[in-house]
Amino acid sequence: MALNNTYEARLVQQETAVGAGVQILLLALLGTAIGMGPAGWLTGLAFAIATWAVLSRALHRTRPRSFGPANRVTLGRAILVGGVTALVADSFESSPPVTLLVGLTAVALILDGVDGKVARKTGTSTALGARFDMEVDAFLILVLSVYVSTQLGPWVLLIGGMRYAFVAAAKAAPWLNAPLPHSMARKTVAAMQGICLLLAGADLLPYAANLGVVLLALGSLVWSFGRDVLWLSRNARTAVPAPVPVLEVPAEAASMESSEISVEGIEFLELAMR
C-alpha cells in the first residue's frame, strides 16, 4: 500500500513538472515569434518556477490520489497566464503584440468556465482545485490591470490589487476569513473584471469608452467587496459565542449512588465548571 501511494504521488508531481516544461516551451515559441526581450523571458521563467513550486508543495501537503481532469484544465490556463505575464513584462521594453496577448487572454478566460464544470461532472471537486482556480484568476486580473494601467493610469491597479489587499487584511482581522454565502452577483462581477480589462487592453474602442469600461469594472468590484465585508462584519458581531465546555464525569462516578458523592467532590465539580 505504501509503495502504491508513493507511485501515485510521483505521478501527480510529474504532472506539475510537465506543466512547467510546457510553460517553458510556450515562452520559447513566444520568444521566437516576437523576439521577446530579457524582461519577458525572466518574468515568464519566474512565473513557471513559482507556479511549479507552490503547486508541488500544495500537492505534497494534500496528497491527492490523482491530479484530476479539472486541475489539468486549470494548469493549462496557468500556462496561458504565464505567457500573458511574459508579454506584459516585455511590453515595457517594446511594442506589445496586442493580437497575441488578446488571443492568449481570451482563451484563458474562456477556459475559466470549463474547469469548474469538469470538476462537477467528474466528481473531482476539491478545496485545492478551487483554490488553484481562484489564484490563477486573481493573477490574470492583476497582470491585465498592470497592462491597462499603462494606458489609463495607475488607478487601474486597484482592480488587480483588491483581492490581495483583502487577503492581507484578513491576516489582521481573522473574521474576514469566514465563509461567504453563495452569490451569483459576486461571480458575475468577478467574471466582468477579465472581460472589461481585456476589452480595454485590446484598444479597439475610443479612449473615453475604454475609460468607462474599466471604471464600470472597478465600481462593481468595490461594490462586491464592500457588500461582502459588510456581511462578514455583521456576521462576526452576531456570531453565537462558543458553548462553555461541560466537564464529563467518568463512568465509574456516574454509576455511583448520589449518597456516595461527598460534599467536597460536589464543590470541586462546581469550581471546575466555572
Protein backbone atom coordinates (compact mmCIF):
# COMPACT_ATOMS: atom_id res chain seq x y z
CA MET A 1 0.00 0.00 0.00
CA ALA A 2 2.83 2.42 0.86
CA LEU A 3 4.55 1.68 -2.46
CA ASN A 4 1.27 2.28 -4.29
CA ASN A 5 0.77 5.63 -2.55
CA THR A 6 4.35 6.63 -3.39
CA TYR A 7 3.76 5.74 -7.03
CA GLU A 8 0.58 7.84 -7.18
CA ALA A 9 2.34 10.79 -5.53
CA ARG A 10 5.10 10.62 -8.11
CA LEU A 11 2.59 10.63 -10.95
CA VAL A 12 0.87 13.69 -9.51
CA GLN A 13 4.18 15.55 -9.08
CA GLN A 14 5.20 14.59 -12.62
CA GLU A 15 2.15 16.38 -13.99
CA THR A 16 3.26 19.65 -12.41
CA ALA A 17 6.73 19.14 -13.86
CA VAL A 18 5.20 18.57 -17.30
CA GLY A 19 3.22 21.76 -16.85
CA ALA A 20 6.41 23.71 -16.09
CA GLY A 21 8.01 22.18 -19.20
CA VAL A 22 5.07 23.19 -21.38
CA GLN A 23 5.27 26.70 -19.90
CA ILE A 24 8.93 26.99 -20.94
CA LEU A 25 8.04 25.66 -24.40
CA LEU A 26 5.35 28.34 -24.76
CA LEU A 27 7.87 31.01 -23.74
CA ALA A 28 10.29 29.67 -26.35
CA LEU A 29 7.61 29.88 -29.03
CA LEU A 30 6.68 33.42 -28.00
CA GLY A 31 10.34 34.43 -27.89
CA THR A 32 10.88 33.08 -31.42
CA ALA A 33 7.71 34.68 -32.78
CA ILE A 34 8.14 38.20 -31.40
CA GLY A 35 11.79 38.37 -30.33
CA MET A 36 10.94 38.64 -26.64
CA GLY A 37 13.45 40.60 -24.57
CA PRO A 38 15.08 39.77 -21.21
CA ALA A 39 12.21 41.23 -19.14
CA GLY A 40 9.67 38.92 -20.75
CA TRP A 41 11.90 35.86 -20.50
CA LEU A 42 12.84 36.41 -16.88
CA THR A 43 9.27 37.18 -15.82
CA GLY A 44 7.89 34.17 -17.67
CA LEU A 45 10.50 31.83 -16.21
CA ALA A 46 9.91 33.23 -12.70
CA PHE A 47 6.18 32.58 -13.13
CA ALA A 48 6.81 28.99 -14.30
CA ILE A 49 9.14 28.21 -11.40
CA ALA A 50 6.88 29.85 -8.80
CA THR A 51 3.78 28.04 -10.10
CA TRP A 52 5.57 24.68 -10.11
CA ALA A 53 6.98 25.21 -6.59
CA VAL A 54 3.74 26.40 -4.98
CA LEU A 55 1.59 23.76 -6.67
CA SER A 56 4.06 20.97 -5.83
CA ARG A 57 4.08 22.00 -2.19
CA ALA A 58 0.28 22.12 -2.05
CA LEU A 59 0.04 18.66 -3.64
CA HIS A 60 2.62 17.29 -1.22
CA ARG A 61 0.58 18.56 1.73
CA THR A 62 -2.83 17.37 0.49
CA ARG A 63 -1.58 14.14 -1.15
CA PRO A 64 -4.41 13.64 -3.69
CA ARG A 65 -4.66 10.22 -5.38
CA SER A 66 -4.57 11.86 -8.82
CA PHE A 67 -4.14 15.32 -10.29
CA GLY A 68 -7.61 15.22 -11.81
CA PRO A 69 -9.03 16.42 -15.15
CA ALA A 70 -10.25 19.75 -13.77
CA ASN A 71 -6.82 20.60 -12.36
CA ARG A 72 -5.31 19.78 -15.76
CA VAL A 73 -7.59 22.39 -17.34
CA THR A 74 -6.61 24.91 -14.65
CA LEU A 75 -2.93 24.09 -15.20
CA GLY A 76 -3.43 24.76 -18.90
CA ARG A 77 -4.94 28.13 -18.00
CA ALA A 78 -1.99 28.85 -15.74
CA ILE A 79 0.38 28.17 -18.65
CA LEU A 80 -1.54 30.66 -20.81
CA VAL A 81 -1.45 33.20 -17.95
CA GLY A 82 2.33 32.71 -17.80
CA GLY A 83 2.51 33.60 -21.47
CA VAL A 84 0.37 36.70 -20.94
CA THR A 85 2.58 37.68 -17.99
CA ALA A 86 5.70 37.41 -20.15
CA LEU A 87 4.12 39.51 -22.91
CA VAL A 88 3.02 42.23 -20.47
CA ALA A 89 6.51 42.38 -18.94
CA ASP A 90 8.02 42.56 -22.43
CA SER A 91 5.66 45.42 -23.33
CA PHE A 92 7.69 47.73 -21.07
CA GLU A 93 10.66 47.27 -23.42
CA SER A 94 8.98 47.13 -26.83
CA SER A 95 5.60 47.44 -28.50
CA PRO A 96 3.39 44.58 -27.32
CA PRO A 97 1.87 42.17 -29.87
CA VAL A 98 -1.70 43.09 -28.93
CA THR A 99 -3.32 40.40 -31.09
CA LEU A 100 -1.26 37.64 -29.48
CA LEU A 101 -1.83 38.99 -25.98
CA VAL A 102 -5.57 39.28 -26.53
CA GLY A 103 -5.72 35.78 -28.03
CA LEU A 104 -3.96 34.10 -25.09
CA THR A 105 -6.05 36.06 -22.59
CA ALA A 106 -9.32 35.26 -24.34
CA VAL A 107 -8.61 31.51 -24.31
CA ALA A 108 -7.64 31.67 -20.62
CA LEU A 109 -10.90 33.48 -19.78
CA ILE A 110 -12.99 31.02 -21.78
CA LEU A 111 -11.37 28.05 -20.03
CA ASP A 112 -12.23 29.67 -16.70
CA GLY A 113 -15.75 28.38 -17.14
CA VAL A 114 -14.59 24.90 -18.14
CA ASP A 115 -12.55 23.61 -15.19
CA GLY A 116 -15.40 24.06 -12.69
CA LYS A 117 -17.84 22.20 -14.94
CA VAL A 118 -15.32 19.39 -15.48
CA ALA A 119 -14.79 19.08 -11.71
CA ARG A 120 -18.52 18.83 -11.03
CA LYS A 121 -19.20 16.45 -13.91
CA THR A 122 -16.39 14.07 -12.95
CA GLY A 123 -16.99 14.37 -9.20
CA THR A 124 -13.43 15.59 -8.63
CA SER A 125 -14.14 18.92 -6.91
CA THR A 126 -11.58 19.60 -4.18
CA ALA A 127 -10.57 22.53 -1.98
CA LEU A 128 -7.14 22.51 -3.64
CA GLY A 129 -8.69 22.68 -7.11
CA ALA A 130 -10.94 25.58 -6.13
CA ARG A 131 -8.01 27.47 -4.60
CA PHE A 132 -5.81 26.77 -7.64
CA ASP A 133 -8.53 28.10 -9.94
CA MET A 134 -9.01 31.20 -7.78
CA GLU A 135 -5.30 32.03 -7.67
CA VAL A 136 -4.94 31.71 -11.45
CA ASP A 137 -7.93 34.02 -11.95
CA ALA A 138 -6.61 36.58 -9.47
CA PHE A 139 -3.15 36.67 -11.01
CA LEU A 140 -4.52 37.07 -14.53
CA ILE A 141 -6.60 40.05 -13.38
CA LEU A 142 -3.52 41.54 -11.70
CA VAL A 143 -1.42 41.17 -14.87
CA LEU A 144 -4.16 42.65 -17.06
CA SER A 145 -4.58 45.59 -14.69
CA VAL A 146 -0.83 46.25 -14.94
CA TYR A 147 -1.07 46.29 -18.72
CA VAL A 148 -4.15 48.52 -18.89
CA SER A 149 -2.67 50.89 -16.27
CA THR A 150 -0.02 51.90 -18.81
CA GLN A 151 -2.85 53.24 -20.98
CA LEU A 152 -5.31 54.65 -18.45
CA GLY A 153 -3.25 55.35 -15.34
CA PRO A 154 -2.03 53.64 -12.17
CA TRP A 155 -5.50 53.72 -10.58
CA VAL A 156 -6.37 50.62 -12.66
CA LEU A 157 -4.04 48.64 -10.39
CA LEU A 158 -6.79 48.85 -7.75
CA ILE A 159 -8.67 46.18 -9.71
CA GLY A 160 -5.82 43.70 -9.65
CA GLY A 161 -4.68 44.52 -6.15
CA MET A 162 -8.04 44.50 -4.35
CA ARG A 163 -8.18 40.75 -3.81
CA TYR A 164 -4.60 40.67 -2.48
CA ALA A 165 -5.39 43.61 -0.20
CA PHE A 166 -8.38 41.66 1.14
CA VAL A 167 -6.15 38.62 1.85
CA ALA A 168 -3.63 40.85 3.65
CA ALA A 169 -6.41 42.47 5.70
CA ALA A 170 -7.66 39.02 6.72
CA LYS A 171 -4.31 38.38 8.41
CA ALA A 172 -5.01 41.25 10.81
CA ALA A 173 -8.77 40.64 11.00
CA PRO A 174 -9.42 36.87 11.00
CA TRP A 175 -13.19 37.37 10.84
CA LEU A 176 -12.70 38.19 7.15
CA ASN A 177 -11.78 34.53 6.60
CA ALA A 178 -15.30 33.33 7.42
CA PRO A 179 -17.08 31.54 4.54
CA LEU A 180 -19.39 33.69 2.44
CA PRO A 181 -22.84 32.62 1.21
CA HIS A 182 -23.23 31.72 -2.45
CA SER A 183 -23.77 34.78 -4.62
CA MET A 184 -24.33 34.87 -8.38
CA ALA A 185 -23.71 38.62 -8.27
CA ARG A 186 -20.22 38.02 -6.86
CA LYS A 187 -19.43 35.53 -9.61
CA THR A 188 -20.74 37.89 -12.28
CA VAL A 189 -18.64 40.79 -11.02
CA ALA A 190 -15.54 38.57 -10.88
CA ALA A 191 -16.09 37.45 -14.48
CA MET A 192 -16.61 41.06 -15.58
CA GLN A 193 -13.14 42.10 -14.48
CA GLY A 194 -11.26 39.98 -17.01
CA ILE A 195 -13.66 40.82 -19.85
CA CYS A 196 -13.55 44.58 -19.21
CA LEU A 197 -9.77 44.64 -18.84
CA LEU A 198 -9.35 42.56 -21.99
CA LEU A 199 -11.65 44.88 -23.91
CA ALA A 200 -9.72 47.93 -22.75
CA GLY A 201 -6.35 46.24 -23.39
CA ALA A 202 -7.35 45.37 -26.96
CA ASP A 203 -7.67 49.13 -27.55
CA LEU A 204 -10.49 48.69 -30.06
CA LEU A 205 -12.64 51.43 -28.54
CA PRO A 206 -12.01 55.16 -28.15
CA TYR A 207 -10.16 56.29 -25.02
CA ALA A 208 -13.35 57.53 -23.35
CA ALA A 209 -15.10 54.22 -23.93
CA ASN A 210 -12.13 52.24 -22.54
CA LEU A 211 -12.11 54.52 -19.52
CA GLY A 212 -15.82 53.98 -18.94
CA VAL A 213 -15.50 50.19 -19.24
CA VAL A 214 -12.68 49.99 -16.70
CA LEU A 215 -14.44 52.39 -14.32
CA LEU A 216 -17.50 50.16 -14.51
CA ALA A 217 -15.35 47.15 -13.64
CA LEU A 218 -13.74 48.94 -10.71
CA GLY A 219 -17.05 50.29 -9.40
CA SER A 220 -18.71 46.87 -9.49
CA LEU A 221 -15.69 45.30 -7.77
CA VAL A 222 -15.72 47.89 -4.98
CA TRP A 223 -19.45 47.28 -4.51
CA SER A 224 -18.98 43.49 -4.40
CA PHE A 225 -16.10 43.60 -1.92
CA GLY A 226 -17.87 46.22 0.18
CA ARG A 227 -21.04 44.13 0.37
CA ASP A 228 -19.07 41.02 1.40
CA VAL A 229 -17.06 42.87 4.04
CA LEU A 230 -20.25 44.37 5.48
CA TRP A 231 -21.87 40.91 5.64
CA LEU A 232 -18.80 39.42 7.32
CA SER A 233 -18.69 42.27 9.81
CA ARG A 234 -22.34 41.83 10.77
CA ASN A 235 -21.97 38.06 10.96
CA ALA A 236 -18.92 38.38 13.21
CA ARG A 237 -20.79 40.68 15.63
CA THR A 238 -23.86 38.45 15.80
CA ALA A 239 -22.00 35.16 15.97
CA VAL A 240 -23.15 32.93 18.84
CA PRO A 241 -20.38 32.52 21.43
CA ALA A 242 -18.92 29.05 21.79
CA PRO A 243 -20.67 27.00 24.47
CA VAL A 244 -18.92 26.53 27.79
CA PRO A 245 -17.33 23.08 27.79
CA VAL A 246 -19.06 20.65 30.12
CA LEU A 247 -16.88 18.58 32.39
CA GLU A 248 -17.52 14.92 31.67
CA VAL A 249 -17.98 12.73 34.72
CA PRO A 250 -16.22 9.35 34.48
CA ALA A 251 -18.46 6.34 34.00
CA GLU A 252 -17.44 4.98 37.35
CA ALA A 253 -18.59 8.15 39.10
CA ALA A 254 -21.81 8.27 37.09
CA SER A 255 -22.78 4.81 38.29
CA MET A 256 -22.35 5.75 41.94
CA GLU A 257 -25.33 6.43 44.08
CA SER A 258 -25.84 10.12 44.83
CA SER A 259 -25.36 9.46 48.52
CA GLU A 260 -21.83 8.24 47.84
CA ILE A 261 -20.66 11.59 46.36
CA SER A 262 -19.07 13.69 49.05
CA VAL A 263 -19.78 17.37 49.59
CA GLU A 264 -16.14 18.14 48.80
CA GLY A 265 -16.50 16.38 45.42
CA ILE A 266 -19.57 18.43 44.50
CA GLU A 267 -17.79 21.67 45.38
CA PHE A 268 -14.80 20.63 43.23
CA LEU A 269 -17.02 19.93 40.21
CA GLU A 270 -18.77 23.29 40.58
CA LEU A 271 -15.44 25.11 40.69
CA ALA A 272 -14.13 23.24 37.66
CA MET A 273 -17.17 24.14 35.58
CA ARG A 274 -16.91 27.87 36.31
